[in-house]
Structure formats: structure tokens, C-alpha cells
Protein backbone atom coordinates (compact mmCIF):
# COMPACT_ATOMS: atom_id res chain seq x y z
CA MET A 1 112.71 102.09 106.89
CA ARG A 2 109.74 99.97 105.74
CA VAL A 3 108.09 100.71 102.43
CA LEU A 4 104.95 99.25 100.95
CA ILE A 5 104.71 99.49 97.14
CA VAL A 6 101.25 98.86 95.64
CA THR A 7 100.58 98.03 92.05
CA ALA A 8 97.41 97.06 90.22
CA VAL A 9 98.52 93.93 88.32
CA PRO A 10 101.30 91.35 88.60
CA ALA A 11 103.07 92.59 85.56
CA GLU A 12 103.65 95.93 87.26
CA ARG A 13 104.59 94.21 90.50
CA ASP A 14 107.13 92.06 88.78
CA ALA A 15 108.56 95.10 87.07
CA VAL A 16 109.01 96.89 90.35
CA VAL A 17 110.47 93.74 92.01
CA ARG A 18 113.08 93.48 89.19
CA GLY A 19 113.99 97.10 89.76
CA VAL A 20 114.29 96.91 93.59
CA GLY A 21 115.85 93.51 93.18
CA ALA A 22 118.73 94.99 91.14
CA THR A 23 120.50 95.57 94.48
CA ALA A 24 119.06 92.71 96.52
CA PRO A 25 117.43 89.40 95.79
CA GLU A 26 113.79 88.76 96.74
CA LEU A 27 113.64 87.36 100.30
CA ALA A 28 110.21 85.87 100.67
CA GLU A 29 106.55 85.84 99.66
CA LEU A 30 104.22 86.59 102.53
CA PRO A 31 100.49 86.26 102.58
CA VAL A 32 98.29 89.21 103.69
CA PRO A 33 94.47 89.31 103.56
CA GLY A 34 93.53 89.30 99.76
CA GLY A 35 97.07 89.13 98.42
CA MET A 36 100.74 88.20 98.55
CA LEU A 37 103.66 90.52 99.50
CA HIS A 38 106.93 90.14 97.71
CA ARG A 39 109.61 91.21 100.25
CA LEU A 40 113.05 92.56 99.36
CA SER A 41 115.75 94.24 101.51
CA PRO A 42 118.04 96.33 99.36
CA ALA A 43 121.02 97.82 101.08
CA PRO A 44 120.71 101.65 101.20
CA PRO A 45 123.81 103.69 100.68
CA ALA A 46 123.27 105.31 104.17
CA GLY A 47 120.75 105.25 106.97
CA PRO A 48 118.72 102.39 108.52
CA PRO A 49 117.99 99.05 106.95
CA LEU A 50 115.47 99.05 104.20
CA THR A 51 112.59 96.58 103.77
CA VAL A 52 110.43 96.84 100.59
CA ASP A 53 107.15 94.87 100.20
CA VAL A 54 105.50 94.88 96.84
CA LEU A 55 101.83 94.03 96.40
CA ALA A 56 99.63 93.63 93.36
CA ALA A 57 96.29 94.74 94.86
CA GLY A 58 93.97 94.83 91.85
CA VAL A 59 92.69 97.41 89.36
CA GLY A 60 90.99 100.55 90.48
CA PRO A 61 90.88 102.84 93.49
CA THR A 62 88.68 100.52 95.57
CA ALA A 63 90.87 97.44 95.13
CA ALA A 64 93.98 99.61 95.72
CA ALA A 65 92.51 100.97 98.97
CA ALA A 66 91.44 97.60 100.23
CA GLY A 67 94.75 95.94 99.52
CA THR A 68 96.73 98.78 100.92
CA ALA A 69 94.63 98.99 104.08
CA ALA A 70 95.00 95.22 104.60
CA ALA A 71 98.83 95.32 104.27
CA LEU A 72 99.24 98.43 106.46
CA THR A 73 96.95 96.98 109.22
CA ALA A 74 98.70 93.64 109.14
CA ALA A 75 102.01 95.41 109.57
CA ALA A 76 100.73 97.60 112.33
CA VAL A 77 99.33 94.69 114.16
CA ALA A 78 102.62 92.95 113.96
CA ARG A 79 104.34 96.07 115.34
CA THR A 80 106.26 96.47 112.14
CA PRO A 81 104.46 99.50 110.65
CA TYR A 82 105.36 100.97 107.19
CA ASP A 83 107.02 104.36 106.95
CA LEU A 84 105.84 104.98 103.34
CA ALA A 85 103.24 103.70 100.85
CA VAL A 86 103.86 103.98 97.16
CA SER A 87 101.38 103.60 94.34
CA ALA A 88 103.29 102.43 91.34
CA GLY A 89 102.63 101.20 87.78
CA ILE A 90 102.04 102.39 84.23
CA GLY A 91 99.47 104.96 83.22
CA GLY A 92 98.33 107.44 80.61
CA GLY A 93 100.28 110.56 80.15
CA PHE A 94 99.08 114.06 79.09
CA THR A 95 101.51 114.15 76.17
CA THR A 96 100.46 117.43 74.60
CA ALA A 97 101.06 121.05 75.50
CA ARG A 98 98.85 122.53 78.20
CA PRO A 99 95.78 124.32 76.83
CA ALA A 100 95.25 128.03 77.40
CA ALA A 101 93.95 128.71 80.87
CA THR A 102 90.52 130.45 80.99
CA THR A 103 88.59 129.09 83.85
CA PRO A 104 89.31 127.99 87.46
CA ALA A 105 90.31 124.37 87.95
CA ALA A 106 89.57 122.02 90.80
CA THR A 107 93.20 121.78 91.95
CA MET A 108 94.43 125.34 91.14
CA PRO A 109 92.93 128.52 89.62
CA ALA A 110 93.80 128.03 86.03
CA ALA A 111 93.32 131.74 85.33
CA THR A 112 96.14 132.53 87.67
CA THR A 113 98.47 129.71 86.65
CA PRO A 114 100.98 130.97 84.05
CA ALA A 115 101.74 128.49 81.27
CA ALA A 116 105.46 128.62 82.30
CA ALA A 117 104.53 127.26 85.67
CA ARG A 118 102.72 124.27 84.33
CA PRO A 119 104.44 120.87 84.07
CA ALA A 120 106.10 119.51 80.92
CA ALA A 121 104.24 117.03 78.75
CA ALA A 122 104.61 113.36 79.94
CA ARG A 123 105.89 111.50 76.84
CA LEU A 124 105.58 107.83 76.14
CA GLY A 125 108.10 105.92 78.30
CA SER A 126 108.72 108.81 80.70
CA VAL A 127 108.60 108.62 84.39
CA VAL A 128 106.09 110.67 86.34
CA VAL A 129 106.15 111.51 90.00
CA ALA A 130 103.03 112.94 91.54
CA ASP A 131 103.30 116.11 93.65
CA ALA A 132 99.48 115.82 94.13
CA ILE A 133 97.41 112.66 93.99
CA VAL A 134 93.83 113.68 92.97
CA ALA A 135 90.50 111.75 92.62
CA ALA A 136 89.40 113.32 89.36
CA ASP A 137 85.92 111.74 89.01
CA LEU A 138 84.84 111.44 92.56
CA GLY A 139 81.81 113.74 92.69
CA ALA A 140 78.64 114.55 90.83
CA GLU A 141 77.48 115.88 87.48
CA THR A 142 75.42 118.99 87.85
CA PRO A 143 73.71 121.40 85.39
CA ASP A 144 76.81 123.56 85.74
CA GLY A 145 79.22 120.71 85.14
CA PHE A 146 81.23 118.38 87.31
CA ALA A 147 81.29 119.03 91.12
CA ALA A 148 84.01 117.37 93.15
CA VAL A 149 82.83 115.55 96.28
CA THR A 150 84.42 118.33 98.34
CA ASP A 151 82.23 120.82 96.66
CA LEU A 152 79.27 118.73 97.96
CA GLY A 153 80.65 119.01 101.47
CA PHE A 154 82.16 115.54 101.84
CA GLY A 155 85.56 113.87 102.17
CA THR A 156 88.64 114.85 100.23
CA VAL A 157 89.83 114.58 96.58
CA GLU A 158 93.55 115.37 97.08
CA HIS A 159 96.59 113.92 98.93
CA LEU A 160 99.95 115.62 98.78
CA PRO A 161 103.09 113.47 98.96
CA PRO A 162 106.03 114.79 100.97
CA ALA A 163 107.47 117.55 98.76
CA PRO A 164 111.14 116.90 99.52
CA LEU A 165 110.76 113.22 98.67
CA VAL A 166 108.94 114.05 95.42
CA ALA A 167 111.74 116.42 94.43
CA ALA A 168 114.49 113.92 95.21
CA VAL A 169 112.70 111.04 93.34
CA ALA A 170 111.97 113.24 90.34
CA GLU A 171 115.54 114.54 90.16
CA ALA A 172 117.00 111.01 90.48
CA THR A 173 114.75 109.51 87.77
CA ASP A 174 114.60 112.59 85.54
CA ALA A 175 110.83 112.40 85.98
CA VAL A 176 108.05 114.82 85.02
CA ARG A 177 106.53 116.21 88.19
CA GLY A 178 102.87 117.22 88.49
CA THR A 179 99.37 116.11 89.44
CA VAL A 180 98.51 112.40 88.77
CA LEU A 181 94.79 111.97 88.47
CA THR A 182 92.94 108.81 89.72
CA VAL A 183 90.00 107.86 87.61
CA SER A 184 87.60 104.98 87.87
CA THR A 185 86.96 105.08 84.10
CA VAL A 186 89.94 105.56 81.82
CA THR A 187 89.78 108.47 79.47
CA GLY A 188 88.85 107.47 75.84
CA SER A 189 88.20 110.73 74.09
CA ALA A 190 89.87 113.98 73.31
CA GLU A 191 86.94 115.79 74.81
CA ARG A 192 87.30 114.25 78.15
CA ALA A 193 91.09 114.66 78.10
CA ALA A 194 90.61 118.34 77.45
CA GLU A 195 88.08 118.63 80.26
CA LEU A 196 90.34 117.01 82.73
CA LEU A 197 93.13 119.33 81.80
CA ARG A 198 90.73 122.31 82.13
CA ARG A 199 89.89 121.27 85.65
CA HIS A 200 93.39 120.14 86.49
CA PRO A 201 95.87 122.19 84.50
CA CYS A 202 98.92 120.75 86.34
CA ALA A 203 97.97 117.14 85.55
CA VAL A 204 100.63 115.09 83.89
CA ALA A 205 99.15 111.58 84.03
CA GLU A 206 96.09 109.52 84.90
CA ALA A 207 95.83 106.05 86.37
CA MET A 208 93.35 104.18 88.49
CA GLU A 209 94.90 103.40 91.87
CA GLY A 210 96.80 106.30 93.35
CA PHE A 211 94.05 107.91 95.38
CA GLY A 212 92.99 104.62 96.80
CA VAL A 213 96.59 103.94 98.10
CA ALA A 214 96.97 107.43 99.43
CA GLU A 215 93.51 107.37 101.14
CA ALA A 216 94.28 104.12 102.86
CA ALA A 217 97.71 105.40 103.92
CA ALA A 218 96.40 108.66 105.22
CA ALA A 219 93.97 106.79 107.43
CA GLN A 220 96.99 105.42 109.25
CA SER A 221 99.14 108.49 109.00
CA VAL A 222 101.51 106.97 106.62
CA PRO A 223 102.90 109.24 103.91
CA ALA A 224 102.19 108.25 100.29
CA LEU A 225 104.02 108.67 96.96
CA GLU A 226 102.84 107.84 93.40
CA VAL A 227 105.30 106.95 90.65
CA ARG A 228 104.13 106.12 87.04
CA THR A 229 105.67 105.39 83.68
CA VAL A 230 103.72 106.46 80.59
CA SER A 231 102.44 103.68 78.40
CA ASN A 232 99.90 105.63 76.30
CA ALA A 233 98.59 109.09 75.68
CA VAL A 234 95.42 110.22 77.58
CA GLY A 235 92.70 110.61 74.99
CA PRO A 236 91.16 108.54 72.25
CA ARG A 237 91.94 104.82 72.63
CA ASP A 238 94.54 103.73 70.12
CA ARG A 239 95.81 100.32 71.16
CA ALA A 240 98.33 100.19 68.33
CA ALA A 241 100.05 103.22 69.85
CA TRP A 242 100.30 101.80 73.37
CA ARG A 243 103.88 101.04 74.54
CA ILE A 244 103.16 98.80 77.54
CA GLY A 245 106.36 96.79 77.32
CA GLU A 246 108.49 99.92 77.15
CA ALA A 247 106.64 101.43 80.11
CA LEU A 248 107.17 98.30 82.22
CA GLU A 249 110.88 98.40 81.39
CA ALA A 250 110.97 102.11 82.42
CA LEU A 251 109.22 101.14 85.63
CA THR A 252 111.98 98.63 86.39
CA GLY A 253 114.60 101.22 85.69
CA ALA A 254 112.88 103.81 87.84
CA PHE A 255 112.78 101.59 90.90
CA ALA A 256 116.31 100.44 90.45
CA THR A 257 117.11 104.14 91.04
CA ILE A 258 114.43 104.88 93.67
CA ALA A 259 115.05 101.89 95.98
CA PRO A 260 118.47 103.04 97.28
CA LEU A 261 117.09 106.55 97.75
CA LEU A 262 114.15 105.42 99.90
CA GLY A 263 116.46 103.94 102.38
CA THR A 264 118.01 107.34 103.23
CA TRP A 265 114.68 108.95 104.20
CA THR A 266 112.74 109.27 107.39
CA PHE A 267 109.80 111.65 107.92
CA ASP A 268 108.73 113.96 110.66
CA PRO A 269 105.06 115.00 110.89
CA GLU A 270 105.68 117.69 108.24
CA GLY A 271 107.09 115.21 105.82
CA THR A 272 110.61 116.65 105.72
CA ARG A 273 113.80 114.89 105.34
CA GLN A 274 115.75 113.98 108.48
């Protein structure tokens, strides 16, 4: 089993490496176009050997996609392809209760989504696992509001991680499970936070790289997963309330738990556990 974990910045990469490295020391640093892989080989409790490469690819969906594509391609050319790509790091959490559903949303008809079916709030320091990775601001502004790029007849705005893996990782880490939004501009107002939740009522967090990782992985038929820990609330920017250190510690703890689990998984074309 070979896993590529992609973060935005070195602090996130190092937090993941510390977590994965709880069961195995780092083996090597390997150059890839545009970056450096940190390779570890934790011993899984069962299943085939596990190799984990961790890459800090840069901030935003474009850098994430480019770095992921470079690492995936280098591995494929070397005939050592990856089995899974993971977008990991800290992010903003939707920390308040879901608003009342009155209008359809981009990812699910809000009017038919009962409040009880919506995910729990993602509190500061909590772990979030994406059951959908959604590009929330890829599209166009129209007189009727935002139109996703798919509404314009192009591309895609959503990737779905393998549901059994999402469930297993969420259970193991006591994570909040829901949609993680990818944005190119981080939310800085209550109005935009409310608008995102109106369009994506199952959203639990926002970050800047998940969709880029998932898009690059999909191009090479590699399943993708996104794991975040919550450093701040989505909404008005209040730097004094950010808990970046605590979120990085939680990221380390999450990957100390996740790494052995990954080694027990293989995927068929439907993404089910074997």
C-alpha cells in the first residue's frame, strides 16, 4: 500500500510526519519536481507493507493540484504508483448550528435535508473527514447568484472519497464527517459563511487544497481522502481566536491513529474495502 499525503505548508507536513512517524522513523527525503517527499514506512497491524510519502505542495488548489500531479506521475513512471492520495492540514470549521433549510444547495437539496441528517458542528481542535470534497467558489457570479462551473456546462465541482474508508477513519479519530469545501479565498465574513452553508448545508469545514489534490488524483484514477483539524471558525477573521498550535497537535494525533489503518486497506474500482 502506497499513500501520498499532501499538505499546504511545511508546518502541516511536519505535523503529519510526526504522527505517521509515531510507529516508524522517517526513512528518506526524496526530490520530486517542485518539492520534496518525506518517506516513512510504518508497520501496519495487518495487510501488505505500507509506504507513506508526505509532501508540502503549497497553498491553494492550483499549487496542490500541481504538486500532487507531479508526485503521482513520478511514482507512476517509476512503476510504483500510489494507491491513495490524502489532502491533510488545518482549516476553518463551521462551528455553529446549521441554519434552517429554505432553498436548494449546490451539493444537496437543502429543502429536503432534515436538520437531524446534517453533520455536527466542527469545533476548534476537532478532526474533520470529508465525505465529499467540493470546489465551493469555482464558477461565476450571475444576476441570480453564484453558479457552479457545472451549471455552466463544464468540469466538475465534487469528488467523493471512498465511503468505507471515510467511515473507518472518522470512527477511529472520532471525527466530524461531512463536506469539506475548497476555496481560493478564505471566508472572512459572517455573510459569506452563511451563504456557503446555504449552498452546502452538509459543509463542516473549508480549506484551500482538497479539491486540487482530489482533481489530480482523479486524473490518474487514484482515490482521494481529505482530513483536516479545525484551527478557527469559518466567518469573521479573528486572529486572536485562532488555535493553530492546537490544530497542528490534533493533526499529529489524527495521523498517528490513521497511519496503521491505511495499511489494512486496498480498493477495488468501487472503492470498497478488500
